[in-house]
Amino acid sequence: MEAERSLLESMRKAVEAMPDDVPLRVHLATMLFDAGLREGGSGR
């Protein structure tokens, strides 16, 4: 599970760096959903 958490954190950082990259945001949202996590929304 640590590898998954690390990957999710990297994806969050990528979204922070490129907030207008919609495919990246959708991919992160899908990963969070699949992991059963509901936090991580940017509120945008």
N, C-alpha and C. Protein backbone atom coordinates (compact mmCIF):
# COMPACT_ATOMS: atom_id res chain seq x y z
N MET A 1 0.81 -1.21 0.00
CA MET A 1 0.00 0.00 0.00
C MET A 1 0.85 1.27 0.00
N GLU A 2 2.08 1.17 0.50
CA GLU A 2 2.94 2.35 0.54
C GLU A 2 3.25 2.85 -0.87
N ALA A 3 3.45 1.92 -1.81
CA ALA A 3 3.73 2.32 -3.19
C ALA A 3 2.53 3.06 -3.78
N GLU A 4 1.34 2.60 -3.46
CA GLU A 4 0.13 3.26 -3.97
C GLU A 4 0.01 4.66 -3.38
N ARG A 5 0.27 4.80 -2.10
CA ARG A 5 0.22 6.12 -1.46
C ARG A 5 1.25 7.07 -2.08
N SER A 6 2.44 6.53 -2.35
CA SER A 6 3.50 7.34 -2.96
C SER A 6 3.09 7.79 -4.35
N LEU A 7 2.49 6.89 -5.11
CA LEU A 7 2.04 7.24 -6.45
C LEU A 7 0.95 8.30 -6.40
N LEU A 8 0.01 8.14 -5.49
CA LEU A 8 -1.07 9.13 -5.36
C LEU A 8 -0.50 10.49 -4.98
N GLU A 9 0.48 10.52 -4.10
CA GLU A 9 1.10 11.80 -3.71
C GLU A 9 1.81 12.43 -4.90
N SER A 10 2.48 11.63 -5.69
CA SER A 10 3.15 12.15 -6.89
C SER A 10 2.13 12.71 -7.88
N MET A 11 1.02 12.01 -8.02
CA MET A 11 -0.03 12.50 -8.92
C MET A 11 -0.63 13.81 -8.42
N ARG A 12 -0.82 13.91 -7.10
CA ARG A 12 -1.34 15.17 -6.53
C ARG A 12 -0.38 16.32 -6.82
N LYS A 13 0.91 16.07 -6.67
CA LYS A 13 1.91 17.11 -6.94
C LYS A 13 1.90 17.51 -8.41
N ALA A 14 1.72 16.53 -9.28
CA ALA A 14 1.65 16.83 -10.71
C ALA A 14 0.44 17.70 -11.02
N VAL A 15 -0.69 17.40 -10.41
CA VAL A 15 -1.90 18.20 -10.61
C VAL A 15 -1.69 19.62 -10.07
N GLU A 16 -1.03 19.74 -8.93
CA GLU A 16 -0.74 21.07 -8.39
C GLU A 16 0.13 21.88 -9.35
N ALA A 17 1.09 21.21 -9.99
CA ALA A 17 2.00 21.88 -10.91
C ALA A 17 1.33 22.22 -12.24
N MET A 18 0.33 21.41 -12.63
CA MET A 18 -0.36 21.61 -13.92
C MET A 18 -1.87 21.52 -13.72
N PRO A 19 -2.45 22.48 -13.01
CA PRO A 19 -3.87 22.37 -12.66
C PRO A 19 -4.82 22.42 -13.86
N ASP A 20 -4.37 22.91 -14.99
CA ASP A 20 -5.25 22.98 -16.16
C ASP A 20 -5.20 21.73 -17.02
N ASP A 21 -4.42 20.74 -16.63
CA ASP A 21 -4.30 19.49 -17.38
C ASP A 21 -5.46 18.58 -16.98
N VAL A 22 -6.54 18.69 -17.74
CA VAL A 22 -7.76 17.96 -17.40
C VAL A 22 -7.57 16.45 -17.42
N PRO A 23 -6.93 15.88 -18.44
CA PRO A 23 -6.74 14.42 -18.41
C PRO A 23 -5.97 13.95 -17.17
N LEU A 24 -5.00 14.72 -16.74
CA LEU A 24 -4.25 14.37 -15.53
C LEU A 24 -5.15 14.40 -14.30
N ARG A 25 -5.99 15.42 -14.21
CA ARG A 25 -6.91 15.54 -13.07
C ARG A 25 -7.91 14.39 -13.05
N VAL A 26 -8.40 14.01 -14.24
CA VAL A 26 -9.35 12.90 -14.33
C VAL A 26 -8.67 11.60 -13.93
N HIS A 27 -7.44 11.43 -14.37
CA HIS A 27 -6.70 10.21 -14.01
C HIS A 27 -6.51 10.13 -12.49
N LEU A 28 -6.13 11.23 -11.87
CA LEU A 28 -5.98 11.24 -10.41
C LEU A 28 -7.31 10.94 -9.73
N ALA A 29 -8.37 11.55 -10.21
CA ALA A 29 -9.69 11.30 -9.61
C ALA A 29 -10.07 9.83 -9.72
N THR A 30 -9.78 9.23 -10.86
CA THR A 30 -10.07 7.81 -11.06
C THR A 30 -9.25 6.95 -10.10
N MET A 31 -7.98 7.30 -9.96
CA MET A 31 -7.12 6.55 -9.04
C MET A 31 -7.64 6.66 -7.60
N LEU A 32 -8.03 7.86 -7.19
CA LEU A 32 -8.55 8.06 -5.84
C LEU A 32 -9.84 7.27 -5.64
N PHE A 33 -10.71 7.31 -6.63
CA PHE A 33 -11.97 6.57 -6.55
C PHE A 33 -11.71 5.08 -6.43
N ASP A 34 -10.82 4.56 -7.28
CA ASP A 34 -10.51 3.14 -7.27
C ASP A 34 -9.88 2.71 -5.94
N ALA A 35 -9.15 3.63 -5.31
CA ALA A 35 -8.52 3.34 -4.04
C ALA A 35 -9.49 3.49 -2.86
N GLY A 36 -10.72 3.93 -3.17
CA GLY A 36 -11.72 4.11 -2.13
C GLY A 36 -11.52 5.39 -1.33
N LEU A 37 -10.80 6.34 -1.92
CA LEU A 37 -10.52 7.60 -1.23
C LEU A 37 -11.41 8.69 -1.83
N ARG A 38 -11.96 9.50 -0.95
CA ARG A 38 -12.82 10.58 -1.42
C ARG A 38 -12.20 11.94 -1.22
N GLU A 39 -11.09 12.00 -0.48
CA GLU A 39 -10.43 13.28 -0.29
C GLU A 39 -9.58 13.58 -1.50
N GLY A 40 -9.02 14.75 -1.55
CA GLY A 40 -8.12 15.09 -2.63
C GLY A 40 -8.73 16.02 -3.66
N GLY A 41 -10.01 16.35 -3.49
CA GLY A 41 -10.63 17.29 -4.42
C GLY A 41 -10.03 18.66 -4.26
N SER A 42 -9.89 19.37 -5.35
CA SER A 42 -9.25 20.68 -5.30
C SER A 42 -10.25 21.79 -5.00
N GLY A 43 -11.54 21.48 -5.14
CA GLY A 43 -12.54 22.52 -4.89
C GLY A 43 -12.69 23.48 -6.06
N ARG A 44 -12.06 23.15 -7.17
CA ARG A 44 -12.17 24.00 -8.35
C ARG A 44 -13.41 23.68 -9.12
